[in-house]
Amino acid sequence: MKSLADGLPPEIARQIHPDWRKNEAAYWAARDQLLGRYQDQWIGFADGVVVASGTRPVVVFHAAEASGHHPFVTCVGRENEPYRMRRARFSYDTSYPGEALPVLRVEFRRFRGVPGSVLDHVIADTGADTSTLPWADCQQMQLDPAQGMPGLMSGVAGGSATTLGFLVWVHLDGNEYQCQLHADFVGNERILGRDVLNSLELLFRGPSGEVIVNP
């Protein structure tokens, strides 16, 4: 079976850690045995065993990465379903063509407790399964492709593209939140998805053009 990593730009695919590729192949060899227990659950698979499981991909992503063995993370039985990036539009950034967007200023951290990159014009997108940044932003954060997990990402119009997921933290309103950040090698929008938004309380005040975090 063709590796997910092979869908990445060639210069990025060459940097994917060999242990991740080994764990991906081992998962597919064991997949039929895993279906009975883990179907429709997210798991992290490394060195022939399940190192994390659960229903929230961002939680499993972080727990699996803590193993330090470059795990393969997937939803058992739904491996080929991409993360979907849908657009929920609100009246906040009036410079955006068409309907305006709710945007935030967000700090993305490579390591918990360590200051990272503060980025503006990050779209609070309740329709996005996960967070994503353009590859240029990921490079600014010095994210290493060898530490990434290949996956699939799809837009509202369908189709899919290979992406690279990273374990990072979002610092917002004085608190840190787990984030499952994916690199976008084609687009240029910064999106904060439900992997983070579902850990927050947000008040969208369209008439006054405000997004209030943890009101």
N, C-alpha and C. Protein backbone atom coordinates (compact mmCIF):
# COMPACT_ATOMS: atom_id res chain seq x y z
N MET A 1 0.85 -1.19 0.00
CA MET A 1 0.00 0.00 0.00
C MET A 1 0.88 1.24 0.00
N LYS A 2 0.50 2.23 -0.80
CA LYS A 2 1.27 3.46 -0.89
C LYS A 2 1.19 4.23 0.43
N SER A 3 2.32 4.77 0.87
CA SER A 3 2.35 5.52 2.12
C SER A 3 1.70 6.88 1.97
N LEU A 4 1.03 7.34 3.02
CA LEU A 4 0.49 8.70 3.03
C LEU A 4 1.58 9.72 2.77
N ALA A 5 2.77 9.45 3.29
CA ALA A 5 3.87 10.40 3.16
C ALA A 5 4.23 10.67 1.72
N ASP A 6 3.97 9.73 0.84
CA ASP A 6 4.35 9.90 -0.56
C ASP A 6 3.49 10.95 -1.28
N GLY A 7 2.41 11.39 -0.65
CA GLY A 7 1.60 12.45 -1.22
C GLY A 7 2.10 13.84 -0.88
N LEU A 8 3.10 13.94 -0.03
CA LEU A 8 3.68 15.23 0.34
C LEU A 8 4.62 15.72 -0.75
N PRO A 9 4.94 17.02 -0.75
CA PRO A 9 5.99 17.48 -1.66
C PRO A 9 7.25 16.64 -1.47
N PRO A 10 7.91 16.25 -2.55
CA PRO A 10 9.05 15.32 -2.45
C PRO A 10 10.11 15.74 -1.44
N GLU A 11 10.41 17.04 -1.37
CA GLU A 11 11.46 17.48 -0.45
C GLU A 11 11.03 17.34 1.01
N ILE A 12 9.70 17.33 1.26
CA ILE A 12 9.19 17.10 2.60
C ILE A 12 9.09 15.61 2.89
N ALA A 13 8.60 14.84 1.92
CA ALA A 13 8.45 13.39 2.10
C ALA A 13 9.77 12.73 2.46
N ARG A 14 10.86 13.23 1.92
CA ARG A 14 12.18 12.64 2.21
C ARG A 14 12.58 12.82 3.66
N GLN A 15 11.95 13.77 4.35
CA GLN A 15 12.34 14.06 5.73
C GLN A 15 11.46 13.35 6.76
N ILE A 16 10.42 12.65 6.31
CA ILE A 16 9.56 11.93 7.25
C ILE A 16 10.38 10.84 7.96
N HIS A 17 10.25 10.76 9.26
CA HIS A 17 11.06 9.83 10.04
C HIS A 17 10.77 8.38 9.60
N PRO A 18 11.80 7.57 9.42
CA PRO A 18 11.58 6.18 8.98
C PRO A 18 10.75 5.37 9.96
N ASP A 19 10.79 5.72 11.25
CA ASP A 19 9.99 4.98 12.22
C ASP A 19 8.50 5.21 12.00
N TRP A 20 8.14 6.43 11.54
CA TRP A 20 6.72 6.67 11.25
C TRP A 20 6.28 5.78 10.09
N ARG A 21 7.10 5.69 9.06
CA ARG A 21 6.75 4.82 7.93
C ARG A 21 6.66 3.36 8.38
N LYS A 22 7.55 2.95 9.25
CA LYS A 22 7.51 1.57 9.76
C LYS A 22 6.21 1.33 10.53
N ASN A 23 5.81 2.29 11.36
CA ASN A 23 4.58 2.14 12.14
C ASN A 23 3.34 2.17 11.27
N GLU A 24 3.38 2.98 10.20
CA GLU A 24 2.26 3.00 9.26
C GLU A 24 2.09 1.62 8.61
N ALA A 25 3.18 1.03 8.14
CA ALA A 25 3.11 -0.29 7.50
C ALA A 25 2.67 -1.36 8.49
N ALA A 26 3.16 -1.27 9.73
CA ALA A 26 2.79 -2.25 10.74
C ALA A 26 1.31 -2.14 11.11
N TYR A 27 0.79 -0.92 11.11
CA TYR A 27 -0.63 -0.74 11.39
C TYR A 27 -1.47 -1.48 10.35
N TRP A 28 -1.15 -1.27 9.09
CA TRP A 28 -1.96 -1.91 8.04
C TRP A 28 -1.85 -3.43 8.10
N ALA A 29 -0.71 -3.94 8.56
CA ALA A 29 -0.57 -5.39 8.71
C ALA A 29 -1.46 -5.92 9.83
N ALA A 30 -1.69 -5.07 10.86
CA ALA A 30 -2.47 -5.50 12.02
C ALA A 30 -3.91 -4.98 11.98
N ARG A 31 -4.26 -4.24 10.96
CA ARG A 31 -5.52 -3.51 10.96
C ARG A 31 -6.75 -4.40 11.14
N ASP A 32 -6.80 -5.55 10.50
CA ASP A 32 -7.97 -6.42 10.61
C ASP A 32 -8.18 -6.87 12.06
N GLN A 33 -7.10 -7.08 12.80
CA GLN A 33 -7.22 -7.49 14.19
C GLN A 33 -7.66 -6.31 15.08
N LEU A 34 -7.35 -5.10 14.66
CA LEU A 34 -7.69 -3.92 15.46
C LEU A 34 -9.15 -3.49 15.27
N LEU A 35 -9.74 -3.87 14.15
CA LEU A 35 -11.10 -3.43 13.84
C LEU A 35 -12.12 -3.84 14.92
N GLY A 36 -12.00 -5.05 15.41
CA GLY A 36 -12.97 -5.53 16.37
C GLY A 36 -13.03 -4.71 17.64
N ARG A 37 -11.90 -4.23 18.10
CA ARG A 37 -11.85 -3.51 19.37
C ARG A 37 -11.90 -1.99 19.20
N TYR A 38 -11.33 -1.50 18.12
CA TYR A 38 -11.13 -0.05 18.02
C TYR A 38 -11.88 0.62 16.86
N GLN A 39 -12.78 -0.08 16.19
CA GLN A 39 -13.45 0.53 15.05
C GLN A 39 -14.11 1.86 15.44
N ASP A 40 -13.89 2.88 14.59
CA ASP A 40 -14.41 4.23 14.77
C ASP A 40 -13.77 4.98 15.93
N GLN A 41 -12.70 4.44 16.50
CA GLN A 41 -11.93 5.15 17.51
C GLN A 41 -10.62 5.64 16.90
N TRP A 42 -10.11 6.72 17.45
CA TRP A 42 -8.78 7.20 17.08
C TRP A 42 -7.74 6.45 17.90
N ILE A 43 -6.68 6.02 17.25
CA ILE A 43 -5.61 5.34 17.97
C ILE A 43 -4.25 5.85 17.50
N GLY A 44 -3.26 5.69 18.36
CA GLY A 44 -1.88 5.86 17.99
C GLY A 44 -1.23 4.49 18.02
N PHE A 45 -0.53 4.13 16.94
CA PHE A 45 0.02 2.78 16.81
C PHE A 45 1.53 2.88 16.62
N ALA A 46 2.29 2.21 17.48
CA ALA A 46 3.76 2.25 17.39
C ALA A 46 4.35 0.96 17.94
N ASP A 47 5.38 0.51 17.28
CA ASP A 47 6.09 -0.71 17.71
C ASP A 47 5.15 -1.89 17.90
N GLY A 48 4.13 -1.97 17.04
CA GLY A 48 3.25 -3.12 17.03
C GLY A 48 2.12 -3.09 18.05
N VAL A 49 1.97 -1.97 18.79
CA VAL A 49 0.91 -1.91 19.81
C VAL A 49 0.20 -0.57 19.74
N VAL A 50 -1.00 -0.53 20.31
CA VAL A 50 -1.75 0.70 20.44
C VAL A 50 -1.22 1.47 21.65
N VAL A 51 -0.69 2.65 21.43
CA VAL A 51 -0.10 3.43 22.53
C VAL A 51 -1.06 4.50 23.05
N ALA A 52 -2.17 4.75 22.33
CA ALA A 52 -3.18 5.70 22.79
C ALA A 52 -4.46 5.44 22.01
N SER A 53 -5.60 5.72 22.65
CA SER A 53 -6.88 5.57 21.96
C SER A 53 -7.89 6.50 22.59
N GLY A 54 -8.93 6.85 21.81
CA GLY A 54 -9.96 7.72 22.32
C GLY A 54 -10.83 8.25 21.20
N THR A 55 -11.73 9.17 21.55
CA THR A 55 -12.67 9.70 20.57
C THR A 55 -12.27 11.06 20.04
N ARG A 56 -11.39 11.80 20.73
CA ARG A 56 -10.96 13.12 20.27
C ARG A 56 -9.58 13.00 19.64
N PRO A 57 -9.46 13.26 18.35
CA PRO A 57 -8.16 13.08 17.70
C PRO A 57 -7.04 13.91 18.30
N VAL A 58 -7.33 15.15 18.74
CA VAL A 58 -6.26 15.99 19.29
C VAL A 58 -5.69 15.39 20.57
N VAL A 59 -6.56 14.78 21.40
CA VAL A 59 -6.09 14.16 22.65
C VAL A 59 -5.26 12.93 22.35
N VAL A 60 -5.74 12.10 21.41
CA VAL A 60 -4.98 10.90 21.02
C VAL A 60 -3.66 11.29 20.37
N PHE A 61 -3.69 12.32 19.53
CA PHE A 61 -2.50 12.79 18.85
C PHE A 61 -1.41 13.14 19.86
N HIS A 62 -1.78 13.91 20.89
CA HIS A 62 -0.80 14.32 21.90
C HIS A 62 -0.34 13.13 22.74
N ALA A 63 -1.28 12.28 23.15
CA ALA A 63 -0.92 11.14 23.99
C ALA A 63 -0.02 10.17 23.23
N ALA A 64 -0.32 9.94 21.96
CA ALA A 64 0.50 9.01 21.17
C ALA A 64 1.90 9.57 20.95
N GLU A 65 1.98 10.86 20.67
CA GLU A 65 3.29 11.47 20.42
C GLU A 65 4.18 11.41 21.66
N ALA A 66 3.56 11.39 22.84
CA ALA A 66 4.32 11.31 24.08
C ALA A 66 5.10 10.01 24.20
N SER A 67 4.72 9.02 23.41
CA SER A 67 5.46 7.75 23.43
C SER A 67 6.87 7.90 22.90
N GLY A 68 7.07 8.91 22.06
CA GLY A 68 8.40 9.14 21.50
C GLY A 68 8.80 8.18 20.40
N HIS A 69 7.84 7.40 19.86
CA HIS A 69 8.16 6.38 18.87
C HIS A 69 7.56 6.68 17.49
N HIS A 70 7.29 7.92 17.21
CA HIS A 70 6.77 8.34 15.90
C HIS A 70 5.56 7.50 15.49
N PRO A 71 4.49 7.55 16.29
CA PRO A 71 3.33 6.69 16.05
C PRO A 71 2.56 7.07 14.79
N PHE A 72 1.85 6.10 14.27
CA PHE A 72 0.89 6.32 13.19
C PHE A 72 -0.46 6.54 13.86
N VAL A 73 -1.10 7.68 13.59
CA VAL A 73 -2.37 8.03 14.22
C VAL A 73 -3.46 8.02 13.16
N THR A 74 -4.56 7.32 13.47
CA THR A 74 -5.65 7.22 12.50
C THR A 74 -6.94 6.87 13.21
N CYS A 75 -8.07 6.97 12.49
CA CYS A 75 -9.36 6.51 12.99
C CYS A 75 -9.61 5.14 12.36
N VAL A 76 -9.67 4.12 13.18
CA VAL A 76 -9.74 2.74 12.70
C VAL A 76 -11.04 2.51 11.93
N GLY A 77 -10.89 2.04 10.71
CA GLY A 77 -12.02 1.79 9.84
C GLY A 77 -12.41 3.00 8.99
N ARG A 78 -11.80 4.15 9.29
CA ARG A 78 -12.10 5.37 8.53
C ARG A 78 -10.78 6.06 8.15
N GLU A 79 -9.82 5.23 7.82
CA GLU A 79 -8.45 5.74 7.62
C GLU A 79 -8.32 6.72 6.47
N ASN A 80 -9.16 6.58 5.46
CA ASN A 80 -9.01 7.42 4.26
C ASN A 80 -9.90 8.66 4.28
N GLU A 81 -10.57 8.90 5.40
CA GLU A 81 -11.39 10.11 5.50
C GLU A 81 -10.49 11.28 5.90
N PRO A 82 -10.49 12.34 5.12
CA PRO A 82 -9.62 13.49 5.41
C PRO A 82 -10.19 14.38 6.50
N TYR A 83 -9.30 15.17 7.12
CA TYR A 83 -9.77 16.25 7.99
C TYR A 83 -10.48 17.26 7.09
N ARG A 84 -11.66 17.67 7.46
CA ARG A 84 -12.42 18.59 6.62
C ARG A 84 -12.29 20.02 7.10
N MET A 85 -12.01 20.90 6.16
CA MET A 85 -11.87 22.31 6.44
C MET A 85 -13.05 23.05 5.81
N ARG A 86 -14.10 23.25 6.62
CA ARG A 86 -15.25 23.98 6.12
C ARG A 86 -15.19 25.40 6.65
N ARG A 87 -15.88 26.30 6.01
CA ARG A 87 -15.82 27.70 6.39
C ARG A 87 -17.11 28.15 7.06
N ALA A 88 -17.05 28.57 8.32
CA ALA A 88 -18.20 29.16 9.01
C ALA A 88 -17.99 30.66 9.02
N ARG A 89 -18.91 31.42 8.41
CA ARG A 89 -18.68 32.84 8.19
C ARG A 89 -19.49 33.71 9.13
N PHE A 90 -18.80 34.72 9.67
CA PHE A 90 -19.43 35.66 10.57
C PHE A 90 -18.93 37.06 10.24
N SER A 91 -19.58 38.08 10.79
CA SER A 91 -19.26 39.47 10.44
C SER A 91 -18.23 40.07 11.40
N TYR A 92 -16.94 39.82 11.10
CA TYR A 92 -15.90 40.33 11.99
C TYR A 92 -14.77 41.00 11.22
N ASP A 93 -14.19 40.33 10.24
CA ASP A 93 -13.13 40.94 9.44
C ASP A 93 -13.76 41.42 8.14
N THR A 94 -14.06 42.71 8.08
CA THR A 94 -14.80 43.23 6.93
C THR A 94 -13.96 43.37 5.68
N SER A 95 -12.65 43.16 5.77
CA SER A 95 -11.81 43.24 4.58
C SER A 95 -11.82 41.94 3.78
N TYR A 96 -12.39 40.88 4.37
CA TYR A 96 -12.44 39.59 3.69
C TYR A 96 -13.47 39.65 2.56
N PRO A 97 -13.13 39.15 1.37
CA PRO A 97 -14.09 39.19 0.26
C PRO A 97 -15.35 38.40 0.60
N GLY A 98 -16.52 38.97 0.29
CA GLY A 98 -17.77 38.30 0.62
C GLY A 98 -18.09 38.50 2.09
N GLU A 99 -18.56 37.45 2.74
CA GLU A 99 -18.88 37.54 4.16
C GLU A 99 -17.59 37.65 4.98
N ALA A 100 -17.64 38.48 6.01
CA ALA A 100 -16.46 38.68 6.84
C ALA A 100 -16.22 37.49 7.76
N LEU A 101 -15.02 37.44 8.36
CA LEU A 101 -14.62 36.29 9.16
C LEU A 101 -14.24 36.69 10.58
N PRO A 102 -14.53 35.81 11.57
CA PRO A 102 -14.04 36.05 12.93
C PRO A 102 -12.57 35.66 13.02
N VAL A 103 -11.72 36.59 13.42
CA VAL A 103 -10.28 36.30 13.47
C VAL A 103 -9.74 36.58 14.86
N LEU A 104 -8.65 35.88 15.19
CA LEU A 104 -8.02 35.98 16.49
C LEU A 104 -6.53 36.21 16.32
N ARG A 105 -5.90 36.69 17.37
CA ARG A 105 -4.44 36.74 17.46
C ARG A 105 -4.04 35.60 18.38
N VAL A 106 -3.28 34.65 17.86
CA VAL A 106 -3.03 33.39 18.56
C VAL A 106 -1.52 33.12 18.62
N GLU A 107 -1.09 32.59 19.75
CA GLU A 107 0.31 32.16 19.88
C GLU A 107 0.38 30.63 19.75
N PHE A 108 1.14 30.16 18.78
CA PHE A 108 1.36 28.72 18.58
C PHE A 108 2.72 28.36 19.17
N ARG A 109 2.73 27.37 20.04
CA ARG A 109 3.96 26.98 20.75
C ARG A 109 4.38 25.57 20.38
N ARG A 110 5.66 25.41 20.08
CA ARG A 110 6.20 24.06 19.82
C ARG A 110 6.21 23.23 21.08
N PHE A 111 6.50 23.87 22.20
CA PHE A 111 6.64 23.16 23.47
C PHE A 111 5.77 23.81 24.54
N ARG A 112 5.18 23.00 25.36
CA ARG A 112 4.32 23.53 26.43
C ARG A 112 5.12 24.41 27.36
N GLY A 113 4.60 25.61 27.63
CA GLY A 113 5.25 26.52 28.55
C GLY A 113 6.36 27.36 27.97
N VAL A 114 6.66 27.16 26.68
CA VAL A 114 7.75 27.90 26.04
C VAL A 114 7.15 28.84 24.99
N PRO A 115 7.41 30.15 25.09
CA PRO A 115 6.84 31.10 24.12
C PRO A 115 7.14 30.69 22.69
N GLY A 116 6.16 30.96 21.80
CA GLY A 116 6.30 30.54 20.41
C GLY A 116 6.05 31.68 19.45
N SER A 117 5.33 31.40 18.36
CA SER A 117 5.06 32.38 17.31
C SER A 117 3.66 32.96 17.49
N VAL A 118 3.59 34.28 17.59
CA VAL A 118 2.31 34.96 17.70
C VAL A 118 1.85 35.36 16.30
N LEU A 119 0.70 34.85 15.88
CA LEU A 119 0.20 35.07 14.52
C LEU A 119 -1.15 35.78 14.59
N ASP A 120 -1.35 36.73 13.71
CA ASP A 120 -2.63 37.40 13.65
C ASP A 120 -3.45 36.86 12.47
N HIS A 121 -4.66 37.34 12.36
CA HIS A 121 -5.58 36.93 11.29
C HIS A 121 -5.74 35.40 11.24
N VAL A 122 -5.90 34.81 12.43
CA VAL A 122 -6.18 33.38 12.53
C VAL A 122 -7.71 33.22 12.58
N ILE A 123 -8.27 32.51 11.61
CA ILE A 123 -9.72 32.37 11.49
C ILE A 123 -10.24 31.37 12.52
N ALA A 124 -11.20 31.82 13.33
CA ALA A 124 -11.88 30.91 14.26
C ALA A 124 -12.94 30.17 13.45
N ASP A 125 -12.61 28.95 13.01
CA ASP A 125 -13.45 28.23 12.05
C ASP A 125 -14.11 27.02 12.71
N THR A 126 -15.38 27.19 13.10
CA THR A 126 -16.08 26.09 13.75
C THR A 126 -16.38 24.94 12.79
N GLY A 127 -16.20 25.16 11.50
CA GLY A 127 -16.43 24.09 10.53
C GLY A 127 -15.21 23.28 10.21
N ALA A 128 -14.06 23.64 10.80
CA ALA A 128 -12.81 22.93 10.51
C ALA A 128 -12.55 21.85 11.56
N ASP A 129 -12.30 20.63 11.12
CA ASP A 129 -12.03 19.54 12.06
C ASP A 129 -10.79 19.80 12.90
N THR A 130 -9.80 20.46 12.32
CA THR A 130 -8.51 20.63 12.97
C THR A 130 -7.90 21.96 12.54
N SER A 131 -6.86 22.37 13.24
CA SER A 131 -6.20 23.64 12.93
C SER A 131 -5.17 23.45 11.83
N THR A 132 -4.95 24.53 11.08
CA THR A 132 -3.97 24.44 9.99
C THR A 132 -3.30 25.80 9.79
N LEU A 133 -2.05 25.75 9.38
CA LEU A 133 -1.28 26.95 9.04
C LEU A 133 -0.56 26.71 7.71
N PRO A 134 -0.34 27.76 6.94
CA PRO A 134 0.49 27.60 5.74
C PRO A 134 1.87 27.08 6.11
N TRP A 135 2.48 26.37 5.18
CA TRP A 135 3.79 25.78 5.44
C TRP A 135 4.82 26.85 5.82
N ALA A 136 4.69 28.05 5.27
CA ALA A 136 5.64 29.12 5.60
C ALA A 136 5.59 29.44 7.10
N ASP A 137 4.38 29.44 7.69
CA ASP A 137 4.27 29.67 9.13
C ASP A 137 4.88 28.51 9.91
N CYS A 138 4.68 27.30 9.43
CA CYS A 138 5.27 26.13 10.11
C CYS A 138 6.79 26.21 10.09
N GLN A 139 7.34 26.67 8.98
CA GLN A 139 8.79 26.84 8.90
C GLN A 139 9.26 27.91 9.86
N GLN A 140 8.49 28.99 9.99
CA GLN A 140 8.84 30.04 10.94
C GLN A 140 8.88 29.50 12.36
N MET A 141 8.00 28.53 12.65
CA MET A 141 7.97 27.91 13.97
C MET A 141 9.07 26.86 14.12
N GLN A 142 9.81 26.60 13.04
CA GLN A 142 10.89 25.61 13.02
C GLN A 142 10.37 24.20 13.30
N LEU A 143 9.19 23.90 12.73
CA LEU A 143 8.66 22.54 12.83
C LEU A 143 9.44 21.63 11.90
N ASP A 144 9.82 20.48 12.39
CA ASP A 144 10.68 19.54 11.67
C ASP A 144 9.82 18.47 10.99
N PRO A 145 9.86 18.36 9.66
CA PRO A 145 9.07 17.32 8.99
C PRO A 145 9.32 15.92 9.53
N ALA A 146 10.51 15.67 10.05
CA ALA A 146 10.82 14.35 10.60
C ALA A 146 9.98 14.04 11.84
N GLN A 147 9.42 15.07 12.45
CA GLN A 147 8.57 14.88 13.63
C GLN A 147 7.08 14.93 13.28
N GLY A 148 6.75 15.11 12.00
CA GLY A 148 5.36 15.24 11.58
C GLY A 148 4.70 13.90 11.27
N MET A 149 3.37 13.91 11.26
CA MET A 149 2.58 12.73 10.92
C MET A 149 1.76 13.02 9.67
N PRO A 150 2.05 12.39 8.56
CA PRO A 150 1.26 12.61 7.34
C PRO A 150 -0.21 12.26 7.53
N GLY A 151 -1.07 13.00 6.83
CA GLY A 151 -2.50 12.77 6.88
C GLY A 151 -3.16 13.36 5.65
N LEU A 152 -4.49 13.36 5.62
CA LEU A 152 -5.25 13.91 4.50
C LEU A 152 -6.10 15.07 4.96
N MET A 153 -6.23 16.08 4.11
CA MET A 153 -7.04 17.25 4.41
C MET A 153 -7.91 17.55 3.20
N SER A 154 -9.18 17.91 3.47
CA SER A 154 -10.13 18.17 2.38
C SER A 154 -10.80 19.51 2.59
N GLY A 155 -11.12 20.19 1.49
CA GLY A 155 -11.85 21.45 1.55
C GLY A 155 -13.34 21.22 1.38
N VAL A 156 -14.09 22.32 1.49
CA VAL A 156 -15.55 22.21 1.42
C VAL A 156 -16.01 21.70 0.06
N ALA A 157 -15.22 21.94 -1.00
CA ALA A 157 -15.61 21.53 -2.34
C ALA A 157 -15.23 20.09 -2.65
N GLY A 158 -14.65 19.40 -1.68
CA GLY A 158 -14.25 18.02 -1.91
C GLY A 158 -12.80 17.91 -2.35
N GLY A 159 -12.39 16.69 -2.71
CA GLY A 159 -11.00 16.46 -3.04
C GLY A 159 -10.18 16.42 -1.76
N SER A 160 -8.96 15.97 -1.86
CA SER A 160 -8.10 15.91 -0.68
C SER A 160 -6.66 16.13 -1.07
N ALA A 161 -5.87 16.56 -0.08
CA ALA A 161 -4.44 16.78 -0.27
C ALA A 161 -3.73 16.22 0.95
N THR A 162 -2.51 15.78 0.77
CA THR A 162 -1.73 15.26 1.88
C THR A 162 -1.20 16.42 2.72
N THR A 163 -1.30 16.26 4.01
CA THR A 163 -0.85 17.27 4.96
C THR A 163 0.11 16.63 5.95
N LEU A 164 0.68 17.43 6.80
CA LEU A 164 1.63 16.94 7.80
C LEU A 164 1.20 17.50 9.14
N GLY A 165 0.90 16.60 10.09
CA GLY A 165 0.40 17.02 11.40
C GLY A 165 1.51 17.13 12.43
N PHE A 166 1.37 18.11 13.31
CA PHE A 166 2.36 18.34 14.37
C PHE A 166 1.66 18.53 15.71
N LEU A 167 2.29 18.04 16.75
CA LEU A 167 1.85 18.24 18.11
C LEU A 167 2.36 19.60 18.57
N VAL A 168 1.45 20.55 18.79
CA VAL A 168 1.83 21.86 19.29
C VAL A 168 0.82 22.29 20.35
N TRP A 169 1.05 23.48 20.89
CA TRP A 169 0.16 24.06 21.89
C TRP A 169 -0.28 25.44 21.44
N VAL A 170 -1.50 25.79 21.75
CA VAL A 170 -2.01 27.13 21.49
C VAL A 170 -2.12 27.87 22.82
N HIS A 171 -1.55 29.08 22.86
CA HIS A 171 -1.66 29.93 24.05
C HIS A 171 -2.63 31.05 23.73
N LEU A 172 -3.72 31.11 24.51
CA LEU A 172 -4.79 32.07 24.24
C LEU A 172 -5.46 32.44 25.55
N ASP A 173 -5.62 33.72 25.78
CA ASP A 173 -6.30 34.21 26.98
C ASP A 173 -5.64 33.68 28.26
N GLY A 174 -4.31 33.58 28.22
CA GLY A 174 -3.57 33.18 29.41
C GLY A 174 -3.51 31.69 29.67
N ASN A 175 -4.10 30.89 28.79
CA ASN A 175 -4.11 29.44 28.97
C ASN A 175 -3.52 28.73 27.76
N GLU A 176 -3.06 27.49 27.99
CA GLU A 176 -2.52 26.66 26.91
C GLU A 176 -3.51 25.54 26.58
N TYR A 177 -3.61 25.24 25.29
CA TYR A 177 -4.52 24.20 24.84
C TYR A 177 -3.80 23.28 23.86
N GLN A 178 -4.12 21.98 23.95
CA GLN A 178 -3.58 21.03 22.98
C GLN A 178 -4.06 21.39 21.59
N CYS A 179 -3.17 21.26 20.61
CA CYS A 179 -3.51 21.58 19.23
C CYS A 179 -2.96 20.50 18.30
N GLN A 180 -3.77 20.11 17.34
CA GLN A 180 -3.37 19.16 16.31
C GLN A 180 -3.19 19.97 15.03
N LEU A 181 -2.01 20.53 14.86
CA LEU A 181 -1.76 21.47 13.78
C LEU A 181 -1.34 20.75 12.50
N HIS A 182 -1.98 21.12 11.38
CA HIS A 182 -1.62 20.54 10.10
C HIS A 182 -1.07 21.60 9.16
N ALA A 183 -0.04 21.23 8.44
CA ALA A 183 0.59 22.13 7.47
C ALA A 183 -0.19 22.11 6.17
N ASP A 184 -0.42 23.31 5.65
CA ASP A 184 -1.09 23.46 4.36
C ASP A 184 -0.04 23.86 3.33
N PHE A 185 0.22 22.97 2.39
CA PHE A 185 1.26 23.22 1.39
C PHE A 185 0.73 23.95 0.16
N VAL A 186 -0.56 24.25 0.15
CA VAL A 186 -1.18 24.89 -1.02
C VAL A 186 -1.81 26.23 -0.66
N GLY A 187 -2.59 26.28 0.41
CA GLY A 187 -3.30 27.49 0.78
C GLY A 187 -2.49 28.43 1.64
N ASN A 188 -3.11 29.57 1.97
CA ASN A 188 -2.41 30.57 2.77
C ASN A 188 -3.23 31.08 3.94
N GLU A 189 -4.33 30.38 4.31
CA GLU A 189 -5.15 30.81 5.43
C GLU A 189 -4.69 30.15 6.73
N ARG A 190 -4.81 30.92 7.80
CA ARG A 190 -4.53 30.42 9.14
C ARG A 190 -5.86 30.09 9.80
N ILE A 191 -6.02 28.84 10.23
CA ILE A 191 -7.30 28.37 10.74
C ILE A 191 -7.12 27.74 12.12
N LEU A 192 -7.94 28.20 13.06
CA LEU A 192 -8.03 27.56 14.36
C LEU A 192 -9.31 26.73 14.35
N GLY A 193 -9.12 25.39 14.36
CA GLY A 193 -10.25 24.48 14.20
C GLY A 193 -10.81 23.97 15.52
N ARG A 194 -11.72 23.00 15.41
CA ARG A 194 -12.41 22.50 16.59
C ARG A 194 -11.51 21.71 17.52
N ASP A 195 -10.33 21.29 17.06
CA ASP A 195 -9.39 20.63 17.98
C ASP A 195 -9.07 21.54 19.15
N VAL A 196 -9.04 22.86 18.90
CA VAL A 196 -8.81 23.84 19.96
C VAL A 196 -10.11 24.50 20.41
N LEU A 197 -10.97 24.86 19.45
CA LEU A 197 -12.19 25.59 19.79
C LEU A 197 -13.09 24.80 20.75
N ASN A 198 -13.09 23.48 20.65
CA ASN A 198 -13.93 22.67 21.54
C ASN A 198 -13.43 22.65 22.97
N SER A 199 -12.26 23.21 23.21
CA SER A 199 -11.74 23.35 24.57
C SER A 199 -11.97 24.74 25.13
N LEU A 200 -12.58 25.61 24.34
CA LEU A 200 -12.81 27.00 24.71
C LEU A 200 -14.30 27.30 24.82
N GLU A 201 -14.60 28.42 25.47
CA GLU A 201 -15.92 29.02 25.35
C GLU A 201 -15.73 30.28 24.53
N LEU A 202 -16.43 30.37 23.41
CA LEU A 202 -16.33 31.53 22.53
C LEU A 202 -17.69 32.19 22.37
N LEU A 203 -17.67 33.51 22.41
CA LEU A 203 -18.88 34.28 22.16
C LEU A 203 -18.67 35.06 20.87
N PHE A 204 -19.44 34.70 19.83
CA PHE A 204 -19.36 35.39 18.55
C PHE A 204 -20.41 36.52 18.54
N ARG A 205 -19.94 37.76 18.58
CA ARG A 205 -20.84 38.90 18.62
C ARG A 205 -20.80 39.60 17.26
N GLY A 206 -21.59 39.06 16.33
CA GLY A 206 -21.58 39.56 14.97
C GLY A 206 -21.90 41.02 14.82
N PRO A 207 -22.99 41.53 15.44
CA PRO A 207 -23.34 42.93 15.23
C PRO A 207 -22.24 43.90 15.66
N SER A 208 -21.49 43.56 16.73
CA SER A 208 -20.43 44.45 17.18
C SER A 208 -19.06 44.05 16.64
N GLY A 209 -19.00 42.93 15.88
CA GLY A 209 -17.75 42.51 15.25
C GLY A 209 -16.71 42.08 16.25
N GLU A 210 -17.11 41.27 17.26
CA GLU A 210 -16.17 40.82 18.29
C GLU A 210 -16.20 39.31 18.44
N VAL A 211 -15.05 38.75 18.78
CA VAL A 211 -14.96 37.37 19.24
C VAL A 211 -14.43 37.42 20.66
N ILE A 212 -15.20 36.96 21.63
CA ILE A 212 -14.80 37.01 23.02
C ILE A 212 -14.44 35.60 23.47
N VAL A 213 -13.22 35.44 23.98
CA VAL A 213 -12.72 34.14 24.42
C VAL A 213 -12.99 33.97 25.92
N ASN A 214 -13.59 32.84 26.28
CA ASN A 214 -13.91 32.52 27.67
C ASN A 214 -14.62 33.67 28.37
N PRO A 215 -15.79 34.09 27.86
CA PRO A 215 -16.50 35.23 28.44
C PRO A 215 -16.95 34.95 29.88
